[in-house]
Every structure is written in C-alpha cells, then in structure tokens.
Amino acid sequence: MIVRMAELEIDPGSIDAFNALLSAEIEASVRLEPGVLFLFAVAVKENSHLVRVIEGYADQVAYEAHLTTPHFLKYKVGTADMVKSLRLLETDPISLKAKPQISN
C-alpha cells in the first residue's frame, strides 16, 4: 500500500473553483479506480487556501495508473494556474482504520 500526503497552497481567489475540481476528481477516482483506496481532502481551519490531500493506493502500479486517468488530468490542467505550491510527502502507514459508510 502507498499512502501519500499532498500539501497545497491555492490562490485565495480560486478556492471555490479549486474545491469543485478537486471534489469531482476525488469522486471519480474512488468510484472508477479499484486501486484508489481512499482520498481525503481538507482545508486548514482559518486558512482555507491551505489544502491537504491524503491519498491511499493499493500499490505503485495503481498510483501510476491514477496519474494517467482522464479525470486526474482534467483536474491537473484545470487547477494549474490556481496552485501556488505543491509538496508531496511519502509516508509509512502506521495504523489506518475507518468505519464502513452506511448507504442512505
């Protein structure tokens, strides 16, 4: 399993547009890609232009496949002028747990 964290700084005037593109990309990735185990995006309180994305992939092949999908490429192209900085952090998972989601 690969778990990464992305630290992004977004142009403050582009937050709403960025969040919409990111949300669409996350929804499509989780729904369409079996190797995408989870994607969580959060904004730092009181600094909504600082975004963190926690990404979980089944393996390196799944991660590399993710980078070539139409929905990811649409997000990258669409947000290119909005992202002021991006830092990717490789991690070693210690403990990952989540409650199953209940369908409505």
PDB file of N, CA and C in Angstrom:
ATOM      1  N   MET A   1       0.837  -1.179   0.000  1.00  0.00           N
ATOM      2  CA  MET A   1       0.000   0.000   0.000  1.00  0.00           C
ATOM      3  C   MET A   1       0.881   1.241   0.000  1.00  0.00           C
ATOM      4  N   ILE A   2       0.448   2.243  -0.735  1.00  0.00           N
ATOM      5  CA  ILE A   2       1.129   3.530  -0.785  1.00  0.00           C
ATOM      6  C   ILE A   2       0.203   4.577  -0.186  1.00  0.00           C
ATOM      7  N   VAL A   3       0.726   5.335   0.764  1.00  0.00           N
ATOM      8  CA  VAL A   3      -0.014   6.455   1.339  1.00  0.00           C
ATOM      9  C   VAL A   3       0.857   7.689   1.190  1.00  0.00           C
ATOM     10  N   ARG A   4       0.276   8.711   0.587  1.00  0.00           N
ATOM     11  CA  ARG A   4       0.978   9.968   0.369  1.00  0.00           C
ATOM     12  C   ARG A   4       0.136  11.103   0.915  1.00  0.00           C
ATOM     13  N   MET A   5       0.791  12.204   1.187  1.00  0.00           N
ATOM     14  CA  MET A   5       0.088  13.413   1.576  1.00  0.00           C
ATOM     15  C   MET A   5       0.558  14.541   0.672  1.00  0.00           C
ATOM     16  N   ALA A   6      -0.406  15.281   0.147  1.00  0.00           N
ATOM     17  CA  ALA A   6      -0.098  16.449  -0.668  1.00  0.00           C
ATOM     18  C   ALA A   6      -0.447  17.694   0.136  1.00  0.00           C
ATOM     19  N   GLU A   7       0.500  18.618   0.201  1.00  0.00           N
ATOM     20  CA  GLU A   7       0.275  19.909   0.838  1.00  0.00           C
ATOM     21  C   GLU A   7       0.231  20.957  -0.267  1.00  0.00           C
ATOM     22  N   LEU A   8      -0.917  21.596  -0.419  1.00  0.00           N
ATOM     23  CA  LEU A   8      -1.103  22.563  -1.492  1.00  0.00           C
ATOM     24  C   LEU A   8      -1.417  23.939  -0.931  1.00  0.00           C
ATOM     25  N   GLU A   9      -0.905  24.957  -1.600  1.00  0.00           N
ATOM     26  CA  GLU A   9      -1.308  26.331  -1.327  1.00  0.00           C
ATOM     27  C   GLU A   9      -2.022  26.820  -2.576  1.00  0.00           C
ATOM     28  N   ILE A  10      -3.251  27.262  -2.386  1.00  0.00           N
ATOM     29  CA  ILE A  10      -4.114  27.649  -3.502  1.00  0.00           C
ATOM     30  C   ILE A  10      -4.258  29.169  -3.527  1.00  0.00           C
ATOM     31  N   ASP A  11      -4.322  29.733  -4.711  1.00  0.00           N
ATOM     32  CA  ASP A  11      -4.598  31.157  -4.848  1.00  0.00           C
ATOM     33  C   ASP A  11      -5.912  31.460  -4.136  1.00  0.00           C
ATOM     34  N   PRO A  12      -5.922  32.371  -3.157  1.00  0.00           N
ATOM     35  CA  PRO A  12      -7.138  32.620  -2.373  1.00  0.00           C
ATOM     36  C   PRO A  12      -8.366  32.975  -3.215  1.00  0.00           C
ATOM     37  N   GLY A  13      -8.182  33.611  -4.349  1.00  0.00           N
ATOM     38  CA  GLY A  13      -9.315  33.955  -5.197  1.00  0.00           C
ATOM     39  C   GLY A  13      -9.870  32.784  -5.992  1.00  0.00           C
ATOM     40  N   SER A  14      -9.210  31.653  -5.927  1.00  0.00           N
ATOM     41  CA  SER A  14      -9.607  30.476  -6.709  1.00  0.00           C
ATOM     42  C   SER A  14     -10.121  29.318  -5.855  1.00  0.00           C
ATOM     43  N   ILE A  15     -10.329  29.547  -4.575  1.00  0.00           N
ATOM     44  CA  ILE A  15     -10.673  28.446  -3.660  1.00  0.00           C
ATOM     45  C   ILE A  15     -11.919  27.690  -4.116  1.00  0.00           C
ATOM     46  N   ASP A  16     -12.994  28.385  -4.405  1.00  0.00           N
ATOM     47  CA  ASP A  16     -14.239  27.698  -4.765  1.00  0.00           C
ATOM     48  C   ASP A  16     -14.071  26.869  -6.039  1.00  0.00           C
ATOM     49  N   ALA A  17     -13.438  27.425  -7.051  1.00  0.00           N
ATOM     50  CA  ALA A  17     -13.226  26.694  -8.307  1.00  0.00           C
ATOM     51  C   ALA A  17     -12.304  25.500  -8.072  1.00  0.00           C
ATOM     52  N   PHE A  18     -11.242  25.700  -7.282  1.00  0.00           N
ATOM     53  CA  PHE A  18     -10.318  24.604  -6.983  1.00  0.00           C
ATOM     54  C   PHE A  18     -11.052  23.483  -6.254  1.00  0.00           C
ATOM     55  N   ASN A  19     -11.809  23.829  -5.219  1.00  0.00           N
ATOM     56  CA  ASN A  19     -12.522  22.810  -4.440  1.00  0.00           C
ATOM     57  C   ASN A  19     -13.498  22.015  -5.299  1.00  0.00           C
ATOM     58  N   ALA A  20     -14.154  22.667  -6.232  1.00  0.00           N
ATOM     59  CA  ALA A  20     -15.087  21.968  -7.119  1.00  0.00           C
ATOM     60  C   ALA A  20     -14.350  20.971  -8.005  1.00  0.00           C
ATOM     61  N   LEU A  21     -13.229  21.382  -8.595  1.00  0.00           N
ATOM     62  CA  LEU A  21     -12.456  20.478  -9.447  1.00  0.00           C
ATOM     63  C   LEU A  21     -11.852  19.327  -8.643  1.00  0.00           C
ATOM     64  N   LEU A  22     -11.346  19.629  -7.458  1.00  0.00           N
ATOM     65  CA  LEU A  22     -10.772  18.589  -6.610  1.00  0.00           C
ATOM     66  C   LEU A  22     -11.839  17.590  -6.175  1.00  0.00           C
ATOM     67  N   SER A  23     -12.995  18.074  -5.779  1.00  0.00           N
ATOM     68  CA  SER A  23     -14.079  17.185  -5.355  1.00  0.00           C
ATOM     69  C   SER A  23     -14.520  16.262  -6.482  1.00  0.00           C
ATOM     70  N   ALA A  24     -14.626  16.789  -7.696  1.00  0.00           N
ATOM     71  CA  ALA A  24     -15.016  15.968  -8.842  1.00  0.00           C
ATOM     72  C   ALA A  24     -13.951  14.910  -9.132  1.00  0.00           C
ATOM     73  N   GLU A  25     -12.682  15.285  -9.022  1.00  0.00           N
ATOM     74  CA  GLU A  25     -11.588  14.349  -9.271  1.00  0.00           C
ATOM     75  C   GLU A  25     -11.581  13.238  -8.225  1.00  0.00           C
ATOM     76  N   ILE A  26     -11.766  13.584  -6.979  1.00  0.00           N
ATOM     77  CA  ILE A  26     -11.781  12.579  -5.910  1.00  0.00           C
ATOM     78  C   ILE A  26     -12.950  11.622  -6.090  1.00  0.00           C
ATOM     79  N   GLU A  27     -14.117  12.152  -6.383  1.00  0.00           N
ATOM     80  CA  GLU A  27     -15.295  11.289  -6.557  1.00  0.00           C
ATOM     81  C   GLU A  27     -15.059  10.298  -7.688  1.00  0.00           C
ATOM     82  N   ALA A  28     -14.561  10.771  -8.820  1.00  0.00           N
ATOM     83  CA  ALA A  28     -14.328   9.889  -9.967  1.00  0.00           C
ATOM     84  C   ALA A  28     -13.232   8.865  -9.668  1.00  0.00           C
ATOM     85  N   SER A  29     -12.177   9.280  -9.018  1.00  0.00           N
ATOM     86  CA  SER A  29     -11.063   8.370  -8.720  1.00  0.00           C
ATOM     87  C   SER A  29     -11.497   7.217  -7.834  1.00  0.00           C
ATOM     88  N   VAL A  30     -12.228   7.532  -6.774  1.00  0.00           N
ATOM     89  CA  VAL A  30     -12.673   6.481  -5.842  1.00  0.00           C
ATOM     90  C   VAL A  30     -13.701   5.574  -6.509  1.00  0.00           C
ATOM     91  N   ARG A  31     -14.574   6.151  -7.316  1.00  0.00           N
ATOM     92  CA  ARG A  31     -15.633   5.367  -7.966  1.00  0.00           C
ATOM     93  C   ARG A  31     -15.096   4.493  -9.099  1.00  0.00           C
ATOM     94  N   LEU A  32     -14.147   5.005  -9.878  1.00  0.00           N
ATOM     95  CA  LEU A  32     -13.733   4.326 -11.103  1.00  0.00           C
ATOM     96  C   LEU A  32     -12.454   3.502 -10.994  1.00  0.00           C
ATOM     97  N   GLU A  33     -11.613   3.789 -10.025  1.00  0.00           N
ATOM     98  CA  GLU A  33     -10.296   3.151  -9.964  1.00  0.00           C
ATOM     99  C   GLU A  33     -10.208   2.172  -8.797  1.00  0.00           C
ATOM    100  N   PRO A  34     -10.167   0.874  -9.070  1.00  0.00           N
ATOM    101  CA  PRO A  34     -10.094  -0.107  -7.979  1.00  0.00           C
ATOM    102  C   PRO A  34      -8.852   0.055  -7.111  1.00  0.00           C
ATOM    103  N   GLY A  35      -7.765   0.570  -7.663  1.00  0.00           N
ATOM    104  CA  GLY A  35      -6.530   0.726  -6.905  1.00  0.00           C
ATOM    105  C   GLY A  35      -6.459   1.970  -6.040  1.00  0.00           C
ATOM    106  N   VAL A  36      -7.438   2.862  -6.180  1.00  0.00           N
ATOM    107  CA  VAL A  36      -7.519   4.033  -5.301  1.00  0.00           C
ATOM    108  C   VAL A  36      -8.335   3.616  -4.092  1.00  0.00           C
ATOM    109  N   LEU A  37      -7.670   3.475  -2.959  1.00  0.00           N
ATOM    110  CA  LEU A  37      -8.327   3.003  -1.744  1.00  0.00           C
ATOM    111  C   LEU A  37      -9.030   4.122  -0.994  1.00  0.00           C
ATOM    112  N   PHE A  38      -8.417   5.289  -0.963  1.00  0.00           N
ATOM    113  CA  PHE A  38      -9.062   6.439  -0.322  1.00  0.00           C
ATOM    114  C   PHE A  38      -8.390   7.727  -0.768  1.00  0.00           C
ATOM    115  N   LEU A  39      -9.162   8.785  -0.757  1.00  0.00           N
ATOM    116  CA  LEU A  39      -8.688  10.144  -0.978  1.00  0.00           C
ATOM    117  C   LEU A  39      -9.472  11.046  -0.044  1.00  0.00           C
ATOM    118  N   PHE A  40      -8.775  11.772   0.807  1.00  0.00           N
ATOM    119  CA  PHE A  40      -9.399  12.701   1.738  1.00  0.00           C
ATOM    120  C   PHE A  40      -8.799  14.075   1.516  1.00  0.00           C
ATOM    121  N   ALA A  41      -9.630  15.075   1.312  1.00  0.00           N
ATOM    122  CA  ALA A  41      -9.151  16.449   1.146  1.00  0.00           C
ATOM    123  C   ALA A  41      -9.717  17.307   2.269  1.00  0.00           C
ATOM    124  N   VAL A  42      -8.843  18.105   2.866  1.00  0.00           N
ATOM    125  CA  VAL A  42      -9.246  19.005   3.944  1.00  0.00           C
ATOM    126  C   VAL A  42      -8.546  20.342   3.750  1.00  0.00           C
ATOM    127  N   ALA A  43      -9.173  21.392   4.277  1.00  0.00           N
ATOM    128  CA  ALA A  43      -8.554  22.719   4.297  1.00  0.00           C
ATOM    129  C   ALA A  43      -8.173  23.038   5.740  1.00  0.00           C
ATOM    130  N   VAL A  44      -7.075  23.730   5.894  1.00  0.00           N
ATOM    131  CA  VAL A  44      -6.628  24.143   7.223  1.00  0.00           C
ATOM    132  C   VAL A  44      -7.601  25.201   7.749  1.00  0.00           C
ATOM    133  N   LYS A  45      -8.097  24.994   8.968  1.00  0.00           N
ATOM    134  CA  LYS A  45      -9.041  25.962   9.553  1.00  0.00           C
ATOM    135  C   LYS A  45      -8.435  27.356   9.543  1.00  0.00           C
ATOM    136  N   GLU A  46      -9.259  28.327   9.189  1.00  0.00           N
ATOM    137  CA  GLU A  46      -8.903  29.735   9.139  1.00  0.00           C
ATOM    138  C   GLU A  46      -7.842  30.056   8.079  1.00  0.00           C
ATOM    139  N   ASN A  47      -7.461  29.054   7.279  1.00  0.00           N
ATOM    140  CA  ASN A  47      -6.540  29.241   6.157  1.00  0.00           C
ATOM    141  C   ASN A  47      -7.006  28.344   5.016  1.00  0.00           C
ATOM    142  N   SER A  48      -8.198  28.616   4.516  1.00  0.00           N
ATOM    143  CA  SER A  48      -8.824  27.703   3.550  1.00  0.00           C
ATOM    144  C   SER A  48      -8.033  27.569   2.256  1.00  0.00           C
ATOM    145  N   HIS A  49      -7.048  28.414   2.046  1.00  0.00           N
ATOM    146  CA  HIS A  49      -6.206  28.298   0.846  1.00  0.00           C
ATOM    147  C   HIS A  49      -5.103  27.252   1.034  1.00  0.00           C
ATOM    148  N   LEU A  50      -4.972  26.698   2.243  1.00  0.00           N
ATOM    149  CA  LEU A  50      -4.012  25.630   2.512  1.00  0.00           C
ATOM    150  C   LEU A  50      -4.773  24.314   2.551  1.00  0.00           C
ATOM    151  N   VAL A  51      -4.551  23.487   1.540  1.00  0.00           N
ATOM    152  CA  VAL A  51      -5.299  22.242   1.354  1.00  0.00           C
ATOM    153  C   VAL A  51      -4.363  21.061   1.560  1.00  0.00           C
ATOM    154  N   ARG A  52      -4.882  20.025   2.204  1.00  0.00           N
ATOM    155  CA  ARG A  52      -4.126  18.783   2.403  1.00  0.00           C
ATOM    156  C   ARG A  52      -4.951  17.646   1.816  1.00  0.00           C
ATOM    157  N   VAL A  53      -4.293  16.785   1.050  1.00  0.00           N
ATOM    158  CA  VAL A  53      -4.954  15.616   0.468  1.00  0.00           C
ATOM    159  C   VAL A  53      -4.192  14.384   0.942  1.00  0.00           C
ATOM    160  N   ILE A  54      -4.897  13.457   1.547  1.00  0.00           N
ATOM    161  CA  ILE A  54      -4.313  12.197   1.991  1.00  0.00           C
ATOM    162  C   ILE A  54      -4.787  11.133   1.008  1.00  0.00           C
ATOM    163  N   GLU A  55      -3.825  10.429   0.403  1.00  0.00           N
ATOM    164  CA  GLU A  55      -4.096   9.511  -0.700  1.00  0.00           C
ATOM    165  C   GLU A  55      -3.644   8.103  -0.346  1.00  0.00           C
ATOM    166  N   GLY A  56      -4.494   7.122  -0.615  1.00  0.00           N
ATOM    167  CA  GLY A  56      -4.116   5.727  -0.408  1.00  0.00           C
ATOM    168  C   GLY A  56      -4.333   4.920  -1.678  1.00  0.00           C
ATOM    169  N   TYR A  57      -3.280   4.207  -2.096  1.00  0.00           N
ATOM    170  CA  TYR A  57      -3.313   3.388  -3.311  1.00  0.00           C
ATOM    171  C   TYR A  57      -2.920   1.958  -2.974  1.00  0.00           C
ATOM    172  N   ALA A  58      -3.468   1.019  -3.697  1.00  0.00           N
ATOM    173  CA  ALA A  58      -3.167  -0.390  -3.451  1.00  0.00           C
ATOM    174  C   ALA A  58      -1.682  -0.684  -3.626  1.00  0.00           C
ATOM    175  N   ASP A  59      -1.048  -0.045  -4.617  1.00  0.00           N
ATOM    176  CA  ASP A  59       0.368  -0.285  -4.892  1.00  0.00           C
ATOM    177  C   ASP A  59       0.874   0.778  -5.868  1.00  0.00           C
ATOM    178  N   GLN A  60       2.127   0.698  -6.234  1.00  0.00           N
ATOM    179  CA  GLN A  60       2.743   1.673  -7.137  1.00  0.00           C
ATOM    180  C   GLN A  60       2.076   1.665  -8.513  1.00  0.00           C
ATOM    181  N   VAL A  61       1.703   0.490  -8.986  1.00  0.00           N
ATOM    182  CA  VAL A  61       1.029   0.387 -10.288  1.00  0.00           C
ATOM    183  C   VAL A  61      -0.287   1.163 -10.260  1.00  0.00           C
ATOM    184  N   ALA A  62      -1.047   1.040  -9.179  1.00  0.00           N
ATOM    185  CA  ALA A  62      -2.320   1.766  -9.054  1.00  0.00           C
ATOM    186  C   ALA A  62      -2.079   3.274  -9.023  1.00  0.00           C
ATOM    187  N   TYR A  63      -1.050   3.697  -8.318  1.00  0.00           N
ATOM    188  CA  TYR A  63      -0.728   5.120  -8.259  1.00  0.00           C
ATOM    189  C   TYR A  63      -0.361   5.648  -9.639  1.00  0.00           C
ATOM    190  N   GLU A  64       0.503   4.934 -10.334  1.00  0.00           N
ATOM    191  CA  GLU A  64       0.922   5.378 -11.667  1.00  0.00           C
ATOM    192  C   GLU A  64      -0.245   5.379 -12.650  1.00  0.00           C
ATOM    193  N   ALA A  65      -1.136   4.410 -12.549  1.00  0.00           N
ATOM    194  CA  ALA A  65      -2.327   4.386 -13.408  1.00  0.00           C
ATOM    195  C   ALA A  65      -3.218   5.588 -13.119  1.00  0.00           C
ATOM    196  N   HIS A  66      -3.353   5.936 -11.849  1.00  0.00           N
ATOM    197  CA  HIS A  66      -4.170   7.083 -11.440  1.00  0.00           C
ATOM    198  C   HIS A  66      -3.704   8.362 -12.137  1.00  0.00           C
ATOM    199  N   LEU A  67      -2.402   8.531 -12.251  1.00  0.00           N
ATOM    200  CA  LEU A  67      -1.844   9.754 -12.839  1.00  0.00           C
ATOM    201  C   LEU A  67      -2.160   9.913 -14.322  1.00  0.00           C
ATOM    202  N   THR A  68      -2.620   8.859 -14.989  1.00  0.00           N
ATOM    203  CA  THR A  68      -2.902   8.916 -16.424  1.00  0.00           C
ATOM    204  C   THR A  68      -4.395   8.953 -16.751  1.00  0.00           C
ATOM    205  N   THR A  69      -5.248   8.948 -15.722  1.00  0.00           N
ATOM    206  CA  THR A  69      -6.691   8.905 -15.973  1.00  0.00           C
ATOM    207  C   THR A  69      -7.204  10.251 -16.487  1.00  0.00           C
ATOM    208  N   PRO A  70      -8.259  10.233 -17.292  1.00  0.00           N
ATOM    209  CA  PRO A  70      -8.823  11.491 -17.802  1.00  0.00           C
ATOM    210  C   PRO A  70      -9.272  12.435 -16.684  1.00  0.00           C
ATOM    211  N   HIS A  71      -9.874  11.883 -15.617  1.00  0.00           N
ATOM    212  CA  HIS A  71     -10.361  12.759 -14.545  1.00  0.00           C
ATOM    213  C   HIS A  71      -9.208  13.410 -13.783  1.00  0.00           C
ATOM    214  N   PHE A  72      -8.096  12.693 -13.578  1.00  0.00           N
ATOM    215  CA  PHE A  72      -6.950  13.305 -12.902  1.00  0.00           C
ATOM    216  C   PHE A  72      -6.309  14.363 -13.796  1.00  0.00           C
ATOM    217  N   LEU A  73      -6.148  14.061 -15.081  1.00  0.00           N
ATOM    218  CA  LEU A  73      -5.541  15.029 -15.998  1.00  0.00           C
ATOM    219  C   LEU A  73      -6.405  16.281 -16.136  1.00  0.00           C
ATOM    220  N   LYS A  74      -7.725  16.125 -16.132  1.00  0.00           N
ATOM    221  CA  LYS A  74      -8.629  17.285 -16.174  1.00  0.00           C
ATOM    222  C   LYS A  74      -8.413  18.161 -14.941  1.00  0.00           C
ATOM    223  N   TYR A  75      -8.297  17.535 -13.772  1.00  0.00           N
ATOM    224  CA  TYR A  75      -8.035  18.270 -12.531  1.00  0.00           C
ATOM    225  C   TYR A  75      -6.696  19.005 -12.611  1.00  0.00           C
ATOM    226  N   LYS A  76      -5.629  18.317 -13.050  1.00  0.00           N
ATOM    227  CA  LYS A  76      -4.300  18.926 -13.099  1.00  0.00           C
ATOM    228  C   LYS A  76      -4.275  20.131 -14.036  1.00  0.00           C
ATOM    229  N   VAL A  77      -4.850  19.970 -15.221  1.00  0.00           N
ATOM    230  CA  VAL A  77      -4.871  21.069 -16.188  1.00  0.00           C
ATOM    231  C   VAL A  77      -5.756  22.210 -15.678  1.00  0.00           C
ATOM    232  N   GLY A  78      -6.918  21.854 -15.142  1.00  0.00           N
ATOM    233  CA  GLY A  78      -7.867  22.866 -14.680  1.00  0.00           C
ATOM    234  C   GLY A  78      -7.402  23.669 -13.484  1.00  0.00           C
ATOM    235  N   THR A  79      -6.529  23.088 -12.659  1.00  0.00           N
ATOM    236  CA  THR A  79      -6.077  23.779 -11.447  1.00  0.00           C
ATOM    237  C   THR A  79      -4.649  24.323 -11.559  1.00  0.00           C
ATOM    238  N   ALA A  80      -3.999  24.132 -12.691  1.00  0.00           N
ATOM    239  CA  ALA A  80      -2.587  24.506 -12.831  1.00  0.00           C
ATOM    240  C   ALA A  80      -2.315  25.957 -12.435  1.00  0.00           C
ATOM    241  N   ASP A  81      -3.171  26.877 -12.828  1.00  0.00           N
ATOM    242  CA  ASP A  81      -2.962  28.288 -12.505  1.00  0.00           C
ATOM    243  C   ASP A  81      -3.451  28.656 -11.106  1.00  0.00           C
ATOM    244  N   MET A  82      -4.130  27.739 -10.433  1.00  0.00           N
ATOM    245  CA  MET A  82      -4.655  28.003  -9.090  1.00  0.00           C
ATOM    246  C   MET A  82      -3.682  27.586  -7.991  1.00  0.00           C
ATOM    247  N   VAL A  83      -2.843  26.595  -8.284  1.00  0.00           N
ATOM    248  CA  VAL A  83      -1.938  26.034  -7.276  1.00  0.00           C
ATOM    249  C   VAL A  83      -0.661  26.871  -7.225  1.00  0.00           C
ATOM    250  N   LYS A  84      -0.446  27.505  -6.068  1.00  0.00           N
ATOM    251  CA  LYS A  84       0.754  28.325  -5.884  1.00  0.00           C
ATOM    252  C   LYS A  84       1.941  27.463  -5.464  1.00  0.00           C
ATOM    253  N   SER A  85       1.680  26.395  -4.710  1.00  0.00           N
ATOM    254  CA  SER A  85       2.752  25.475  -4.334  1.00  0.00           C
ATOM    255  C   SER A  85       2.159  24.102  -4.054  1.00  0.00           C
ATOM    256  N   LEU A  86       2.991  23.078  -4.274  1.00  0.00           N
ATOM    257  CA  LEU A  86       2.595  21.690  -4.053  1.00  0.00           C
ATOM    258  C   LEU A  86       3.792  20.946  -3.492  1.00  0.00           C
ATOM    259  N   ARG A  87       3.568  20.276  -2.383  1.00  0.00           N
ATOM    260  CA  ARG A  87       4.605  19.447  -1.776  1.00  0.00           C
ATOM    261  C   ARG A  87       4.013  18.065  -1.549  1.00  0.00           C
ATOM    262  N   LEU A  88       4.663  17.034  -2.085  1.00  0.00           N
ATOM    263  CA  LEU A  88       4.212  15.656  -1.911  1.00  0.00           C
ATOM    264  C   LEU A  88       5.081  14.984  -0.857  1.00  0.00           C
ATOM    265  N   LEU A  89       4.433  14.379   0.131  1.00  0.00           N
ATOM    266  CA  LEU A  89       5.136  13.702   1.210  1.00  0.00           C
ATOM    267  C   LEU A  89       4.885  12.207   1.118  1.00  0.00           C
ATOM    268  N   GLU A  90       5.948  11.436   1.044  1.00  0.00           N
ATOM    269  CA  GLU A  90       5.841   9.982   1.106  1.00  0.00           C
ATOM    270  C   GLU A  90       5.700   9.609   2.581  1.00  0.00           C
ATOM    271  N   THR A  91       4.894   8.610   2.878  1.00  0.00           N
ATOM    272  CA  THR A  91       4.690   8.232   4.277  1.00  0.00           C
ATOM    273  C   THR A  91       4.853   6.728   4.457  1.00  0.00           C
ATOM    274  N   ASP A  92       5.009   6.339   5.694  1.00  0.00           N
ATOM    275  CA  ASP A  92       4.957   4.943   6.103  1.00  0.00           C
ATOM    276  C   ASP A  92       3.723   4.793   6.972  1.00  0.00           C
ATOM    277  N   PRO A  93       2.679   4.110   6.479  1.00  0.00           N
ATOM    278  CA  PRO A  93       1.461   3.958   7.273  1.00  0.00           C
ATOM    279  C   PRO A  93       1.753   3.256   8.602  1.00  0.00           C
ATOM    280  N   ILE A  94       1.179   3.780   9.658  1.00  0.00           N
ATOM    281  CA  ILE A  94       1.295   3.167  10.980  1.00  0.00           C
ATOM    282  C   ILE A  94       0.008   2.425  11.312  1.00  0.00           C
ATOM    283  N   SER A  95      -1.116   3.122  11.218  1.00  0.00           N
ATOM    284  CA  SER A  95      -2.410   2.500  11.507  1.00  0.00           C
ATOM    285  C   SER A  95      -3.469   3.244  10.721  1.00  0.00           C
ATOM    286  N   LEU A  96      -4.210   2.529   9.891  1.00  0.00           N
ATOM    287  CA  LEU A  96      -5.270   3.124   9.077  1.00  0.00           C
ATOM    288  C   LEU A  96      -6.565   2.379   9.352  1.00  0.00           C
ATOM    289  N   LYS A  97      -7.536   3.041   9.901  1.00  0.00           N
ATOM    290  CA  LYS A  97      -8.836   2.437  10.201  1.00  0.00           C
ATOM    291  C   LYS A  97      -9.932   3.420   9.809  1.00  0.00           C
ATOM    292  N   ALA A  98     -11.060   2.891   9.386  1.00  0.00           N
ATOM    293  CA  ALA A  98     -12.225   3.710   9.078  1.00  0.00           C
ATOM    294  C   ALA A  98     -13.476   2.879   9.310  1.00  0.00           C
ATOM    295  N   LYS A  99     -14.527   3.528   9.727  1.00  0.00           N
ATOM    296  CA  LYS A  99     -15.808   2.850   9.847  1.00  0.00           C
ATOM    297  C   LYS A  99     -16.405   2.709   8.455  1.00  0.00           C
ATOM    298  N   PRO A 100     -17.081   1.592   8.188  1.00  0.00           N
ATOM    299  CA  PRO A 100     -17.737   1.474   6.876  1.00  0.00           C
ATOM    300  C   PRO A 100     -18.832   2.523   6.739  1.00  0.00           C
ATOM    301  N   GLN A 101     -18.985   3.023   5.520  1.00  0.00           N
ATOM    302  CA  GLN A 101     -20.049   4.004   5.275  1.00  0.00           C
ATOM    303  C   GLN A 101     -21.378   3.294   5.181  1.00  0.00           C
ATOM    304  N   ILE A 102     -22.411   3.931   5.703  1.00  0.00           N
ATOM    305  CA  ILE A 102     -23.774   3.407   5.660  1.00  0.00           C
ATOM    306  C   ILE A 102     -24.488   4.074   4.490  1.00  0.00           C
ATOM    307  N   SER A 103     -25.031   3.288   3.589  1.00  0.00           N
ATOM    308  CA  SER A 103     -25.761   3.831   2.434  1.00  0.00           C
ATOM    309  C   SER A 103     -27.115   4.346   2.876  1.00  0.00           C
ATOM    310  N   ASN A 104     -27.529   5.463   2.264  1.00  0.00           N
ATOM    311  CA  ASN A 104     -28.856   6.026   2.549  1.00  0.00           C
ATOM    312  C   ASN A 104     -29.829   5.610   1.503  1.00  0.00           C
TER     313      ASN A 104
END
